[in-house]
Protein backbone atom coordinates (compact mmCIF):
# COMPACT_ATOMS: atom_id res chain seq x y z
CA MET A 1 -3.46 6.96 12.23
CA SER A 2 -3.98 4.13 14.64
CA ALA A 3 -1.69 1.15 14.95
CA SER A 4 -4.41 -0.92 13.26
CA ALA A 5 -3.50 0.64 9.90
CA LEU A 6 -0.17 -1.19 10.05
CA LYS A 7 -1.88 -4.54 10.64
CA HIS A 8 -2.89 -6.80 7.80
CA PRO A 9 -5.83 -5.40 5.83
CA VAL A 10 -9.10 -7.28 5.65
CA PRO A 11 -9.50 -9.80 2.80
CA GLY A 12 -10.15 -8.13 -0.54
CA SER A 13 -8.45 -4.88 0.45
CA VAL A 14 -4.94 -3.46 0.75
CA THR A 15 -3.09 -0.87 2.76
CA MET A 16 -1.28 1.57 0.51
CA PHE A 17 1.72 3.48 1.85
CA SER A 18 2.20 6.68 -0.12
CA THR A 19 3.25 10.33 -0.07
CA SER A 20 1.34 13.41 -1.14
CA TRP A 21 3.68 14.11 -4.08
CA CYS A 22 3.93 10.57 -5.52
CA GLY A 23 2.58 10.36 -9.07
CA TYR A 24 2.76 6.56 -9.12
CA CYS A 25 0.68 6.52 -5.92
CA ASN A 26 -1.96 8.77 -7.47
CA ARG A 27 -2.13 6.59 -10.57
CA LEU A 28 -2.51 3.36 -8.57
CA LYS A 29 -5.15 4.92 -6.28
CA ALA A 30 -7.18 5.92 -9.35
CA GLN A 31 -6.82 2.46 -10.88
CA MET A 32 -7.85 0.71 -7.65
CA GLY A 33 -10.83 3.06 -7.37
CA ARG A 34 -11.94 2.20 -10.92
CA GLU A 35 -11.57 -1.52 -10.16
CA GLY A 36 -13.52 -1.26 -6.90
CA ILE A 37 -10.57 -2.36 -4.76
CA ALA A 38 -10.90 -1.14 -1.19
CA PHE A 39 -7.77 0.38 0.31
CA THR A 40 -6.56 2.31 3.30
CA GLU A 41 -4.02 4.98 2.45
CA VAL A 42 -1.22 5.80 4.89
CA ASN A 43 0.94 8.84 4.13
CA ILE A 44 4.44 7.98 5.33
CA GLU A 45 5.27 11.67 5.67
CA ASP A 46 2.82 11.84 8.57
CA VAL A 47 3.27 8.45 10.25
CA PRO A 48 6.74 7.53 11.59
CA GLU A 49 5.86 3.86 12.16
CA ALA A 50 4.75 3.62 8.53
CA VAL A 51 8.17 4.87 7.38
CA LYS A 52 9.78 1.98 9.26
CA PHE A 53 7.46 -0.56 7.61
CA VAL A 54 8.16 0.83 4.12
CA MET A 55 11.91 0.90 4.72
CA ASP A 56 11.86 -2.68 6.07
CA ALA A 57 9.90 -3.81 2.99
CA ASN A 58 12.25 -2.02 0.58
CA ASP A 59 15.78 -2.77 1.79
CA GLY A 60 16.07 0.50 3.70
CA ASN A 61 14.51 2.72 1.02
CA GLN A 62 11.41 4.88 1.41
CA THR A 63 9.88 3.68 -1.86
CA VAL A 64 6.20 4.26 -2.55
CA PRO A 65 3.68 3.09 -3.38
CA THR A 66 4.20 0.08 -1.17
CA LEU A 67 1.14 -2.11 -0.67
CA LEU A 68 0.43 -4.45 2.24
CA PHE A 69 -1.83 -7.39 1.39
CA PRO A 70 -4.10 -9.41 3.71
CA ASP A 71 -1.66 -12.35 3.70
CA GLY A 72 1.07 -10.10 5.13
CA SER A 73 3.04 -9.85 1.90
CA SER A 74 3.96 -6.53 0.32
CA ALA A 75 4.64 -5.18 -3.15
CA THR A 76 6.35 -2.01 -4.30
CA ASN A 77 4.82 -0.08 -7.19
CA PRO A 78 2.76 -3.04 -8.41
CA SER A 79 0.64 -2.93 -11.54
CA ILE A 80 -3.13 -2.98 -11.10
CA ASN A 81 -3.12 -6.48 -12.63
CA GLU A 82 -0.67 -7.67 -9.97
CA VAL A 83 -2.84 -6.17 -7.23
CA LYS A 84 -5.96 -7.90 -8.60
CA LYS A 85 -4.13 -11.22 -8.99
CA ARG A 86 -2.73 -11.15 -5.46
CA LEU A 87 -6.11 -10.26 -3.96
CA ALA A 88 -7.78 -13.09 -5.89
CA SER A 89 -5.44 -15.77 -4.54
């Protein structure tokens, strides 16, 4: 993964920090796919700098899915409706 994956995603898309074993991540990926929401997935098990971002966003916890939005904000385990709402604003 390049450092660009940790930068703000382009408008209308998100960066999703996940793990290979995360059921909530798999569910949200499927929902975003159905809704046509573009996303870049970053597996925190493979990318040390992504672990730091996730821990900073979650009070020191490695909680996934954590999404990074184009405005620089993040959300942990958001609903698909929250993702759509935040991308629309």
